[in-house]
N, C-alpha and C. Protein backbone atom coordinates (compact mmCIF):
# COMPACT_ATOMS: atom_id res chain seq x y z
N MET A 1 24.45 -4.88 8.70
CA MET A 1 24.54 -6.57 8.45
C MET A 1 23.86 -6.08 6.64
N SER A 2 25.11 -6.24 5.70
CA SER A 2 24.54 -5.40 4.27
C SER A 2 23.55 -7.03 3.68
N THR A 3 22.51 -6.36 2.66
CA THR A 3 21.80 -7.26 2.46
C THR A 3 21.66 -7.09 0.72
N LYS A 4 21.65 -8.30 -0.03
CA LYS A 4 21.06 -8.04 -1.03
C LYS A 4 19.72 -8.24 -1.74
N SER A 5 19.26 -7.36 -2.27
CA SER A 5 18.43 -7.30 -3.45
C SER A 5 18.24 -7.53 -4.90
N LEU A 6 17.04 -8.41 -4.95
CA LEU A 6 17.23 -8.97 -6.68
C LEU A 6 15.96 -7.77 -7.17
N VAL A 7 16.17 -7.36 -8.76
CA VAL A 7 15.23 -6.57 -9.34
C VAL A 7 15.39 -6.64 -10.30
N ARG A 8 14.07 -6.66 -11.20
CA ARG A 8 13.45 -7.02 -12.87
C ARG A 8 13.60 -6.00 -13.66
N PRO A 9 13.86 -5.26 -14.29
CA PRO A 9 13.02 -3.77 -15.16
C PRO A 9 11.62 -3.82 -14.98
N ASN A 10 10.90 -2.59 -14.63
CA ASN A 10 10.18 -2.24 -14.33
C ASN A 10 8.80 -3.17 -13.26
N SER A 11 9.80 -3.51 -12.56
CA SER A 11 9.32 -4.34 -11.65
C SER A 11 9.09 -3.41 -10.05
N PRO A 12 8.13 -3.63 -8.80
CA PRO A 12 8.39 -3.26 -8.29
C PRO A 12 9.90 -3.31 -7.13
N LYS A 13 10.51 -3.01 -6.69
CA LYS A 13 11.13 -2.76 -5.37
C LYS A 13 11.21 -3.61 -4.57
N LEU A 14 12.24 -5.24 -4.97
CA LEU A 14 11.85 -6.26 -4.16
C LEU A 14 12.95 -6.35 -2.67
N VAL A 15 11.90 -6.80 -1.31
CA VAL A 15 12.62 -6.62 -0.45
C VAL A 15 14.29 -7.30 -0.41
N PRO A 16 15.01 -6.79 0.75
CA PRO A 16 16.36 -7.90 0.93
C PRO A 16 16.10 -9.56 0.79
N THR A 17 16.94 -9.85 0.65
CA THR A 17 17.50 -10.87 0.87
C THR A 17 17.36 -11.86 1.93
N LYS A 18 18.00 -11.18 3.08
CA LYS A 18 18.10 -10.91 4.50
C LYS A 18 17.07 -10.43 5.27
N THR A 19 17.14 -10.81 6.18
CA THR A 19 16.21 -9.96 7.63
C THR A 19 16.68 -10.14 8.70
N SER A 20 15.94 -9.68 10.03
CA SER A 20 16.41 -9.90 11.28
C SER A 20 14.88 -9.96 12.14
N THR A 21 15.09 -10.96 12.77
CA THR A 21 13.33 -10.49 13.55
C THR A 21 13.26 -9.61 14.32
N SER A 22 14.65 -9.39 15.06
CA SER A 22 15.05 -7.83 16.09
C SER A 22 14.88 -6.39 15.18
N LYS A 23 15.41 -6.91 14.37
CA LYS A 23 14.96 -5.26 13.29
C LYS A 23 13.28 -5.42 13.41
N ALA A 24 12.59 -6.35 12.49
CA ALA A 24 11.51 -6.22 12.41
C ALA A 24 10.87 -5.64 13.84
N SER A 25 10.70 -6.67 15.24
CA SER A 25 10.28 -6.14 15.95
C SER A 25 10.63 -4.80 16.52
N GLU A 26 11.52 -4.21 16.43
CA GLU A 26 12.02 -2.94 16.65
C GLU A 26 11.31 -1.73 15.52
N LEU A 27 10.98 -1.80 14.67
CA LEU A 27 10.08 -1.57 13.66
C LEU A 27 8.79 -1.34 14.12
N LEU A 28 8.52 -2.51 14.71
CA LEU A 28 6.78 -2.52 15.19
C LEU A 28 6.71 -1.57 16.03
N GLU A 29 7.78 -1.82 16.95
CA GLU A 29 7.38 -1.28 18.22
C GLU A 29 7.90 0.81 18.27
N GLN A 30 8.58 1.26 17.05
CA GLN A 30 8.62 2.35 16.27
C GLN A 30 7.11 2.66 16.26
N TYR A 31 6.41 2.23 15.34
CA TYR A 31 5.10 1.91 14.70
C TYR A 31 4.23 1.76 15.71
N GLY A 32 4.42 2.49 17.11
CA GLY A 32 3.31 1.78 18.37
C GLY A 32 2.59 0.89 18.35
N CYS A 33 3.01 -0.44 17.49
CA CYS A 33 2.12 -1.59 17.36
C CYS A 33 2.08 -2.35 18.77
N GLY A 34 3.09 -2.63 19.86
CA GLY A 34 2.98 -2.65 21.19
C GLY A 34 3.28 -4.30 21.00
N PRO A 35 2.79 -5.06 21.19
CA PRO A 35 3.04 -6.90 21.22
C PRO A 35 2.80 -7.49 20.08
N ILE A 36 2.24 -7.01 19.08
CA ILE A 36 1.61 -7.79 18.06
C ILE A 36 2.63 -8.07 16.72
N PRO A 37 2.92 -9.19 16.59
CA PRO A 37 4.08 -9.54 15.37
C PRO A 37 2.81 -8.88 14.42
N PHE A 38 3.64 -8.61 12.73
CA PHE A 38 3.53 -8.65 12.19
C PHE A 38 2.67 -10.00 10.99
N VAL A 39 3.28 -11.31 11.38
CA VAL A 39 3.18 -12.68 10.60
C VAL A 39 3.60 -13.63 11.90
N GLY A 40 3.33 -14.78 11.84
CA GLY A 40 3.87 -16.00 12.52
C GLY A 40 2.89 -16.39 13.54
N THR A 41 1.92 -15.79 13.97
CA THR A 41 1.17 -16.54 15.15
C THR A 41 -0.34 -16.34 14.66
N GLU A 42 -0.91 -16.76 15.27
CA GLU A 42 -2.62 -17.07 14.76
C GLU A 42 -3.43 -15.52 15.42
N ASN A 43 -2.58 -14.34 16.18
CA ASN A 43 -3.04 -12.64 16.20
C ASN A 43 -1.72 -12.30 15.61
N ALA A 44 -1.13 -12.45 14.73
CA ALA A 44 -0.42 -11.81 13.55
C ALA A 44 -1.17 -11.20 13.08
N PHE A 45 -0.60 -9.75 12.61
CA PHE A 45 -1.79 -9.06 11.69
C PHE A 45 -1.95 -10.01 10.29
N TYR A 46 -0.92 -10.34 9.98
CA TYR A 46 -1.35 -11.03 8.45
C TYR A 46 -2.34 -12.09 8.76
N GLU A 47 -2.12 -12.97 9.33
CA GLU A 47 -3.05 -13.72 9.79
C GLU A 47 -4.23 -13.62 10.11
N ARG A 48 -4.66 -12.63 10.67
CA ARG A 48 -5.68 -12.42 11.27
C ARG A 48 -6.62 -11.88 10.18
N HIS A 49 -5.99 -10.92 9.37
CA HIS A 49 -6.88 -10.38 8.50
C HIS A 49 -7.58 -11.88 7.09
N LEU A 50 -6.25 -12.61 7.07
CA LEU A 50 -7.04 -13.50 6.31
C LEU A 50 -8.11 -14.56 6.95
N VAL A 51 -8.16 -14.41 8.55
CA VAL A 51 -9.19 -15.22 9.01
C VAL A 51 -10.48 -14.13 9.26
N PHE A 52 -9.94 -13.35 9.74
CA PHE A 52 -11.42 -12.29 10.47
C PHE A 52 -11.62 -11.70 9.26
N ASP A 53 -11.18 -11.57 8.05
CA ASP A 53 -11.58 -10.30 7.15
C ASP A 53 -12.28 -11.25 5.67
N ARG A 54 -11.19 -12.42 5.37
CA ARG A 54 -11.40 -13.22 4.52
C ARG A 54 -12.01 -14.74 4.62
N VAL A 55 -12.47 -14.58 6.11
CA VAL A 55 -12.56 -16.40 6.55
C VAL A 55 -12.05 -17.09 5.72
N ILE A 56 -11.00 -17.28 6.01
CA ILE A 56 -10.26 -18.17 5.62
C ILE A 56 -8.80 -19.12 6.06
N ASP A 57 -8.96 -20.56 6.05
CA ASP A 57 -7.20 -20.68 6.59
C ASP A 57 -6.06 -20.16 5.71
N PRO A 58 -5.33 -19.71 6.06
CA PRO A 58 -3.62 -18.95 5.52
C PRO A 58 -3.25 -20.06 4.60
N LYS A 59 -3.11 -21.35 5.38
CA LYS A 59 -2.80 -22.03 4.91
C LYS A 59 -2.93 -22.07 3.19
N VAL A 60 -4.43 -21.87 2.56
CA VAL A 60 -4.87 -22.33 1.23
C VAL A 60 -5.04 -20.93 0.90
N ALA A 61 -4.30 -20.11 1.28
CA ALA A 61 -4.83 -18.56 0.91
C ALA A 61 -4.59 -18.27 -0.64
N SER A 62 -5.06 -17.48 -1.75
CA SER A 62 -5.01 -17.53 -2.75
C SER A 62 -3.86 -16.19 -2.97
N ALA A 63 -3.72 -15.97 -4.31
CA ALA A 63 -2.70 -14.65 -4.24
C ALA A 63 -3.11 -14.04 -4.24
N ARG A 64 -4.34 -13.36 -4.72
CA ARG A 64 -5.14 -12.35 -4.35
C ARG A 64 -5.53 -12.02 -2.63
N GLU A 65 -5.80 -12.88 -2.05
CA GLU A 65 -6.50 -13.26 -0.57
C GLU A 65 -5.15 -13.19 0.45
N ARG A 66 -3.71 -13.18 -0.31
CA ARG A 66 -2.75 -12.59 0.91
C ARG A 66 -1.79 -11.23 0.45
N PHE A 67 -2.29 -10.63 -0.88
CA PHE A 67 -1.88 -9.42 -1.11
C PHE A 67 -2.83 -8.68 -0.45
N GLU A 68 -3.73 -9.09 -0.28
CA GLU A 68 -5.14 -8.46 0.55
C GLU A 68 -4.94 -8.43 2.00
N ALA A 69 -4.40 -9.12 2.93
CA ALA A 69 -3.81 -9.49 4.00
C ALA A 69 -2.80 -8.84 4.81
N ILE A 70 -2.19 -8.12 3.45
CA ILE A 70 -0.19 -8.43 3.52
C ILE A 70 -0.86 -6.13 3.52
N SER A 71 -1.43 -5.96 2.57
CA SER A 71 -2.29 -4.69 2.18
C SER A 71 -2.38 -4.05 3.45
N SER A 72 -3.83 -5.01 4.36
CA SER A 72 -4.07 -4.49 5.03
C SER A 72 -3.42 -4.66 5.97
N SER A 73 -1.91 -5.11 6.66
CA SER A 73 -1.24 -5.42 7.44
C SER A 73 -0.97 -3.88 7.37
N ILE A 74 0.00 -3.69 6.28
CA ILE A 74 0.68 -2.60 6.28
C ILE A 74 -0.57 -1.68 6.62
N ARG A 75 -1.66 -1.52 6.42
CA ARG A 75 -2.49 0.03 6.56
C ARG A 75 -2.22 -0.21 8.05
N ASP A 76 -2.95 -1.26 8.44
CA ASP A 76 -2.90 -0.68 10.75
C ASP A 76 -1.50 -0.26 11.11
N ILE A 77 -0.82 -0.15 10.57
CA ILE A 77 0.87 0.08 10.87
C ILE A 77 0.79 1.37 10.61
N LEU A 78 0.54 1.91 9.05
CA LEU A 78 0.69 2.97 9.01
C LEU A 78 -0.87 3.67 9.42
N ALA A 79 -1.90 3.32 10.32
CA ALA A 79 -2.66 4.01 10.69
C ALA A 79 -2.73 4.60 12.26
N GLN A 80 -1.46 3.81 12.97
CA GLN A 80 -1.32 4.22 14.42
C GLN A 80 -0.08 5.37 14.24
N ARG A 81 0.59 5.01 12.93
CA ARG A 81 1.00 7.05 12.59
C ARG A 81 0.11 7.94 12.47
N TRP A 82 -0.66 7.49 11.23
CA TRP A 82 -1.95 8.46 11.16
C TRP A 82 -2.58 9.48 12.47
N VAL A 83 -2.67 8.50 13.31
CA VAL A 83 -3.84 9.28 14.41
C VAL A 83 -2.60 9.58 15.62
N LEU A 84 -1.33 9.04 15.57
CA LEU A 84 -0.38 10.24 15.82
C LEU A 84 -0.16 11.30 15.19
N THR A 85 -0.09 11.99 13.95
CA THR A 85 0.06 12.67 13.15
C THR A 85 -1.48 13.54 13.47
N LYS A 86 -2.62 13.15 13.68
CA LYS A 86 -3.60 13.93 13.70
C LYS A 86 -3.47 14.53 15.37
N THR A 87 -3.36 13.95 16.11
CA THR A 87 -2.93 14.60 17.56
C THR A 87 -2.23 15.80 17.20
N THR A 88 -0.90 15.19 17.39
CA THR A 88 -0.37 16.80 16.66
C THR A 88 -0.16 17.89 16.13
N TYR A 89 -0.99 16.99 15.25
CA TYR A 89 -1.54 18.69 14.36
C TYR A 89 -2.73 19.69 15.35
N GLU A 90 -3.66 18.37 16.10
CA GLU A 90 -4.49 19.52 16.81
C GLU A 90 -4.45 20.03 17.90
N ARG A 91 -2.71 19.52 19.02
CA ARG A 91 -1.86 19.84 20.31
C ARG A 91 -1.15 21.64 19.16
N GLN A 92 -0.79 21.51 18.77
CA GLN A 92 -0.37 22.83 17.50
C GLN A 92 -1.19 23.28 16.80
N ASN A 93 -2.21 22.98 17.03
CA ASN A 93 -3.25 23.86 16.03
C ASN A 93 -2.20 24.70 14.97
N ALA A 94 -1.92 23.48 14.26
CA ALA A 94 -1.41 23.50 12.97
C ALA A 94 -2.42 24.74 11.31
N LYS A 95 -1.74 25.12 10.98
CA LYS A 95 -2.64 25.52 9.99
C LYS A 95 -2.60 24.29 9.15
N ARG A 96 -3.62 24.38 8.08
CA ARG A 96 -3.73 23.16 7.39
C ARG A 96 -3.88 23.86 5.96
N ILE A 97 -3.07 22.27 5.30
CA ILE A 97 -3.75 22.98 3.46
C ILE A 97 -4.49 21.32 2.63
N TYR A 98 -5.26 22.13 2.28
CA TYR A 98 -6.53 20.84 1.53
C TYR A 98 -6.19 21.30 0.33
N TYR A 99 -6.04 20.20 -0.16
CA TYR A 99 -5.85 20.27 -1.91
C TYR A 99 -6.82 19.77 -2.61
N LEU A 100 -7.18 20.08 -3.48
CA LEU A 100 -8.84 19.81 -3.84
C LEU A 100 -8.20 19.34 -5.78
N SER A 101 -8.16 18.34 -6.05
CA SER A 101 -8.56 17.84 -7.67
C SER A 101 -9.56 16.98 -8.04
N MET A 102 -9.48 17.01 -9.09
CA MET A 102 -10.57 15.95 -9.89
C MET A 102 -9.98 14.49 -9.76
N GLU A 103 -8.89 14.07 -9.84
CA GLU A 103 -8.15 13.26 -9.45
C GLU A 103 -6.83 12.65 -9.45
N PHE A 104 -6.26 11.92 -8.50
CA PHE A 104 -5.05 11.19 -8.21
C PHE A 104 -4.01 10.64 -8.39
N LEU A 105 -3.52 10.50 -9.38
CA LEU A 105 -2.93 9.07 -10.06
C LEU A 105 -1.77 8.83 -9.25
N LEU A 106 -2.04 8.05 -8.11
CA LEU A 106 -0.93 7.79 -7.19
C LEU A 106 -0.06 6.50 -7.72
N GLY A 107 -0.52 5.57 -8.50
CA GLY A 107 0.37 4.60 -8.90
C GLY A 107 -0.17 3.20 -7.53
N ARG A 108 0.62 2.16 -8.24
CA ARG A 108 0.43 1.29 -7.17
C ARG A 108 0.38 1.34 -5.95
N SER A 109 -0.63 1.05 -4.44
CA SER A 109 0.33 1.35 -3.00
C SER A 109 1.00 0.50 -1.96
N LEU A 110 1.25 -0.26 -2.44
CA LEU A 110 1.54 -1.32 -1.73
C LEU A 110 3.42 -1.65 -1.65
N ALA A 111 3.92 -1.57 -2.69
CA ALA A 111 5.39 -1.27 -2.58
C ALA A 111 6.29 0.03 -1.97
N ASN A 112 4.76 0.59 -2.91
CA ASN A 112 5.24 2.37 -2.53
C ASN A 112 5.11 2.70 -0.61
N ASN A 113 4.07 2.26 -0.35
CA ASN A 113 4.08 2.51 1.14
C ASN A 113 4.95 1.69 1.89
N VAL A 114 5.76 0.51 1.60
CA VAL A 114 6.80 -0.38 1.93
C VAL A 114 8.07 -0.01 2.25
N THR A 115 8.38 0.85 1.11
CA THR A 115 9.49 1.44 0.73
C THR A 115 9.45 3.01 1.77
N ASN A 116 8.42 3.57 1.89
CA ASN A 116 8.38 4.61 2.51
C ASN A 116 8.23 4.36 3.90
N LEU A 117 8.02 3.35 4.46
CA LEU A 117 7.66 2.90 5.53
C LEU A 117 8.79 2.38 6.32
N LEU A 118 9.79 2.06 5.42
CA LEU A 118 10.79 1.41 6.05
C LEU A 118 10.65 0.24 6.52
N LEU A 119 9.77 -0.66 5.95
CA LEU A 119 9.26 -1.87 6.20
C LEU A 119 10.06 -3.05 5.45
N ASP A 120 10.51 -2.80 4.85
CA ASP A 120 11.25 -3.51 3.92
C ASP A 120 11.08 -5.44 4.69
N PRO A 121 12.02 -5.58 6.08
CA PRO A 121 12.16 -6.07 7.29
C PRO A 121 11.55 -6.96 7.66
N LEU A 122 9.96 -6.46 7.73
CA LEU A 122 8.97 -7.05 7.76
C LEU A 122 8.06 -7.94 7.02
N VAL A 123 8.07 -6.80 5.62
CA VAL A 123 7.59 -7.84 4.84
C VAL A 123 8.40 -8.81 3.99
N GLN A 124 9.86 -9.02 4.28
CA GLN A 124 10.50 -9.90 3.86
C GLN A 124 10.35 -11.12 4.68
N GLN A 125 10.00 -10.81 6.13
CA GLN A 125 10.04 -11.90 7.36
C GLN A 125 8.69 -13.12 7.07
N ALA A 126 7.54 -11.58 6.38
CA ALA A 126 6.62 -12.41 6.17
C ALA A 126 6.77 -13.23 4.83
N VAL A 127 7.38 -13.22 4.00
CA VAL A 127 7.43 -13.49 2.37
C VAL A 127 8.58 -14.87 2.87
N GLN A 128 9.58 -14.49 3.99
CA GLN A 128 10.23 -16.51 4.02
C GLN A 128 9.15 -17.01 4.91
N GLU A 129 9.07 -16.64 6.01
CA GLU A 129 8.33 -17.34 6.75
C GLU A 129 6.69 -18.10 6.18
N LYS A 130 6.60 -17.50 4.79
CA LYS A 130 4.85 -18.01 4.37
C LYS A 130 5.05 -18.42 3.00
N GLY A 131 6.14 -18.19 2.54
CA GLY A 131 6.69 -18.59 1.37
C GLY A 131 5.88 -17.92 0.30
N ILE A 132 5.65 -16.68 0.32
CA ILE A 132 5.01 -15.74 -0.45
C ILE A 132 6.11 -15.61 -1.59
N GLU A 133 5.49 -15.72 -3.65
CA GLU A 133 6.34 -14.90 -4.23
C GLU A 133 6.03 -13.47 -3.72
N TRP A 134 6.87 -12.49 -3.69
CA TRP A 134 6.69 -11.30 -3.69
C TRP A 134 6.43 -10.75 -5.47
N LEU A 135 6.73 -11.56 -6.42
CA LEU A 135 6.46 -10.35 -7.29
C LEU A 135 4.83 -10.72 -7.66
N GLU A 136 4.27 -12.02 -7.53
CA GLU A 136 3.52 -12.24 -8.01
C GLU A 136 2.42 -11.84 -7.19
N LEU A 137 2.95 -11.34 -5.94
CA LEU A 137 1.69 -10.68 -4.51
C LEU A 137 1.54 -8.97 -5.14
N VAL A 138 2.56 -8.83 -5.54
CA VAL A 138 2.34 -7.13 -6.10
C VAL A 138 1.73 -6.92 -7.10
N GLU A 139 1.93 -8.07 -8.20
CA GLU A 139 1.06 -7.96 -9.26
C GLU A 139 -0.51 -8.00 -9.35
N GLN A 140 -1.12 -8.66 -7.99
CA GLN A 140 -2.52 -8.68 -7.68
C GLN A 140 -2.62 -7.52 -7.87
N GLU A 141 -2.21 -6.22 -7.83
CA GLU A 141 -2.73 -5.20 -7.17
C GLU A 141 -2.66 -4.24 -8.71
N PRO A 142 -4.38 -3.80 -9.08
CA PRO A 142 -4.26 -2.77 -10.49
C PRO A 142 -3.85 -2.24 -10.65
N ASP A 143 -3.06 -1.61 -11.93
CA ASP A 143 -3.34 -0.35 -11.67
C ASP A 143 -4.04 0.67 -11.82
N ALA A 144 -3.64 2.20 -11.45
CA ALA A 144 -4.85 3.13 -11.50
C ALA A 144 -5.81 3.09 -13.34
N GLY A 145 -7.15 3.77 -12.65
CA GLY A 145 -6.97 4.42 -14.02
C GLY A 145 -6.57 5.17 -14.85
N LEU A 146 -7.01 5.98 -16.51
CA LEU A 146 -5.88 5.95 -16.60
C LEU A 146 -6.61 7.89 -16.57
N GLY A 147 -7.96 8.01 -17.24
CA GLY A 147 -8.62 9.21 -16.71
C GLY A 147 -7.94 10.52 -17.31
N ASN A 148 -7.52 11.51 -16.95
CA ASN A 148 -7.15 12.52 -17.36
C ASN A 148 -5.07 12.37 -16.85
N GLY A 149 -4.45 11.58 -17.15
CA GLY A 149 -3.63 11.29 -16.51
C GLY A 149 -2.53 12.20 -15.54
N GLY A 150 -2.30 13.07 -16.87
CA GLY A 150 -1.53 14.32 -16.47
C GLY A 150 -1.57 14.73 -15.18
N LEU A 151 -3.41 15.91 -15.05
CA LEU A 151 -3.49 16.21 -14.48
C LEU A 151 -3.58 15.51 -12.88
N GLY A 152 -3.53 13.90 -12.90
CA GLY A 152 -3.74 12.93 -11.63
C GLY A 152 -1.99 12.99 -11.10
N ARG A 153 -1.38 12.78 -12.06
CA ARG A 153 0.10 12.57 -11.44
C ARG A 153 0.20 13.98 -10.86
N LEU A 154 -0.18 15.15 -11.68
CA LEU A 154 0.24 16.36 -11.09
C LEU A 154 -0.15 16.68 -9.30
N ALA A 155 -1.32 16.12 -9.57
CA ALA A 155 -1.66 16.20 -8.46
C ALA A 155 -1.20 15.13 -7.16
N ALA A 156 -0.76 14.06 -7.52
CA ALA A 156 -0.21 12.76 -6.66
C ALA A 156 1.28 13.44 -6.40
N CYS A 157 1.92 14.16 -7.51
CA CYS A 157 3.31 14.52 -7.43
C CYS A 157 3.20 15.72 -5.91
N PHE A 158 2.04 16.82 -6.81
CA PHE A 158 1.90 17.63 -5.05
C PHE A 158 2.02 16.85 -3.67
N LEU A 159 1.10 15.78 -3.29
CA LEU A 159 1.34 15.31 -2.04
C LEU A 159 2.53 15.08 -2.11
N ASP A 160 2.46 14.00 -2.53
CA ASP A 160 4.37 13.88 -1.95
C ASP A 160 5.37 14.95 -1.93
N SER A 161 5.29 15.35 -2.45
CA SER A 161 5.82 17.31 -1.87
C SER A 161 5.86 17.76 -0.65
N MET A 162 4.52 17.53 -0.66
CA MET A 162 3.90 18.10 0.83
C MET A 162 4.48 17.30 1.88
N ALA A 163 4.12 16.15 1.63
CA ALA A 163 4.93 15.77 2.88
C ALA A 163 5.90 14.99 2.77
N THR A 164 7.23 15.35 2.04
CA THR A 164 8.43 15.31 2.78
C THR A 164 8.23 16.92 3.06
N MET A 165 7.63 17.39 3.16
CA MET A 165 7.93 18.45 3.31
C MET A 165 7.55 18.88 5.03
N GLN A 166 6.69 17.77 5.28
CA GLN A 166 6.01 17.17 6.71
C GLN A 166 4.78 18.60 6.72
N LEU A 167 3.86 18.99 6.03
CA LEU A 167 3.12 20.16 5.97
C LEU A 167 2.16 19.49 6.25
N PRO A 168 1.52 19.83 6.99
CA PRO A 168 -0.14 19.17 7.32
C PRO A 168 -1.44 19.61 6.20
N ALA A 169 -1.17 18.05 4.99
CA ALA A 169 -1.98 18.74 4.13
C ALA A 169 -2.38 17.84 3.89
N THR A 170 -3.95 17.54 3.02
CA THR A 170 -4.95 16.14 2.76
C THR A 170 -5.09 16.88 1.51
N GLY A 171 -5.57 15.43 1.02
CA GLY A 171 -6.08 15.63 -0.53
C GLY A 171 -7.27 15.87 -0.75
N TYR A 172 -7.79 16.01 -1.35
CA TYR A 172 -9.44 16.11 -1.56
C TYR A 172 -10.10 15.50 -3.31
N GLY A 173 -10.33 14.78 -3.43
CA GLY A 173 -10.83 14.65 -5.11
C GLY A 173 -11.96 13.90 -5.07
N LEU A 174 -12.49 13.06 -6.21
CA LEU A 174 -14.00 13.04 -6.38
C LEU A 174 -13.78 11.69 -6.74
N ARG A 175 -15.27 11.34 -6.11
CA ARG A 175 -15.36 9.35 -5.83
C ARG A 175 -16.23 8.83 -6.79
N TYR A 176 -15.03 8.85 -7.96
CA TYR A 176 -15.77 7.98 -9.35
C TYR A 176 -16.41 6.50 -8.89
N GLU A 177 -17.39 6.37 -9.60
CA GLU A 177 -17.52 4.94 -10.05
C GLU A 177 -16.92 4.24 -11.10
N TYR A 178 -17.16 5.54 -12.17
CA TYR A 178 -17.32 5.00 -13.62
C TYR A 178 -16.26 6.30 -13.99
N GLY A 179 -15.81 7.22 -13.81
CA GLY A 179 -15.06 8.03 -13.77
C GLY A 179 -14.04 7.70 -14.56
N MET A 180 -13.28 6.94 -14.86
CA MET A 180 -11.81 6.34 -15.18
C MET A 180 -11.91 5.59 -16.33
N PHE A 181 -10.82 5.19 -17.27
CA PHE A 181 -11.25 3.91 -18.55
C PHE A 181 -10.25 3.44 -18.20
N LYS A 182 -10.19 2.03 -18.78
CA LYS A 182 -8.87 1.40 -19.22
C LYS A 182 -8.97 1.22 -20.66
N GLN A 183 -7.85 1.22 -21.05
CA GLN A 183 -7.26 1.03 -22.56
C GLN A 183 -6.67 -0.60 -22.49
N SER A 184 -7.43 -1.06 -23.78
CA SER A 184 -7.00 -2.38 -24.97
C SER A 184 -6.85 -2.09 -25.90
N ILE A 185 -5.81 -2.80 -26.43
CA ILE A 185 -5.40 -2.72 -27.97
C ILE A 185 -6.13 -4.14 -28.74
N VAL A 186 -7.27 -3.22 -28.92
CA VAL A 186 -7.97 -4.87 -30.19
C VAL A 186 -7.63 -4.75 -31.63
N ASP A 187 -6.97 -5.56 -32.19
CA ASP A 187 -6.87 -5.65 -33.42
C ASP A 187 -5.99 -4.95 -33.87
N GLY A 188 -5.30 -4.05 -33.36
CA GLY A 188 -4.81 -2.74 -33.53
C GLY A 188 -4.50 -1.36 -33.48
N TRP A 189 -5.97 -1.52 -32.86
CA TRP A 189 -6.47 -0.45 -32.42
C TRP A 189 -6.86 -0.50 -30.77
N GLN A 190 -6.64 1.09 -30.66
CA GLN A 190 -6.61 1.41 -29.09
C GLN A 190 -8.24 1.32 -28.89
N LYS A 191 -8.39 0.82 -27.91
CA LYS A 191 -10.18 0.59 -27.06
C LYS A 191 -10.14 0.93 -25.75
N GLU A 192 -11.59 1.67 -25.51
CA GLU A 192 -11.60 2.33 -23.63
C GLU A 192 -12.74 1.55 -23.36
N ASN A 193 -12.54 0.90 -22.41
CA ASN A 193 -13.29 0.30 -21.57
C ASN A 193 -13.98 1.20 -20.09
N PRO A 194 -15.53 1.18 -19.45
CA PRO A 194 -15.63 1.51 -18.28
C PRO A 194 -14.19 1.08 -17.22
N ASP A 195 -13.99 1.22 -16.12
CA ASP A 195 -13.01 1.11 -14.97
C ASP A 195 -13.71 1.23 -13.64
N SER A 196 -14.30 0.35 -13.18
CA SER A 196 -15.18 0.82 -11.99
C SER A 196 -14.25 1.48 -10.92
N GLY A 197 -13.90 2.62 -10.30
CA GLY A 197 -12.87 2.75 -9.90
C GLY A 197 -13.05 2.49 -8.29
N ARG A 198 -14.38 1.85 -7.80
CA ARG A 198 -14.36 0.98 -6.31
C ARG A 198 -14.51 -0.13 -6.91
N LEU A 199 -15.45 -0.84 -7.29
CA LEU A 199 -15.81 -2.36 -7.35
C LEU A 199 -14.58 -2.99 -7.92
N ALA A 200 -13.83 -2.75 -9.37
CA ALA A 200 -13.00 -3.48 -9.21
C ALA A 200 -11.26 -3.36 -8.72
N LYS A 201 -11.61 -2.22 -7.68
CA LYS A 201 -10.04 -2.48 -7.05
C LYS A 201 -10.53 -2.54 -5.74
N GLY A 202 -11.55 -3.61 -5.26
CA GLY A 202 -11.31 -3.80 -4.79
C GLY A 202 -12.41 -3.22 -3.09
N GLU A 203 -13.02 -2.09 -3.17
CA GLU A 203 -12.97 -0.66 -2.40
C GLU A 203 -14.39 -1.21 -2.06
N SER A 204 -14.34 -0.46 -0.45
CA SER A 204 -15.86 -0.81 -0.35
C SER A 204 -16.14 0.24 0.01
């Protein structure tokens, strides 16, 4: 069944305006999630993250809290593929690639992960059932710190290329606390401010 998408300039790709519950179930089964639904019941990924991680009633969750619940739910699905990948590498005793860089400028992760994992039907189901404004939700994710953007972007491209080629590769970088900076324009002049790479982005 064909779907229609709405995209505005310079915005993340929007999920289709139509979806299928059976398609969503097939995706969860493909990723080994068993009978756990993505959204819609008290035991679903989305609802459990709101209640048990944020300790909040899903009906009154803020845009930021919804973003974190959706992101954590996508991570839960991805984690099961990570386990399978790791098991495969260990079984085949594959040679590994370890790429070291001072930084990785990967960009925003949520929309990118939804697209790469082909999870648009799942996210659209959540958007429809919970009345979530998708653009408002993805805008809750902050942009990466600027830092030495050329180096970080190149490193990110290397990782994307190795993933596309299905090479067993892992990227390692420095865990900055105030290693990057945020840029703002004040009275027509560029101003740099410290950007907490851990605290400001909600990383524990």
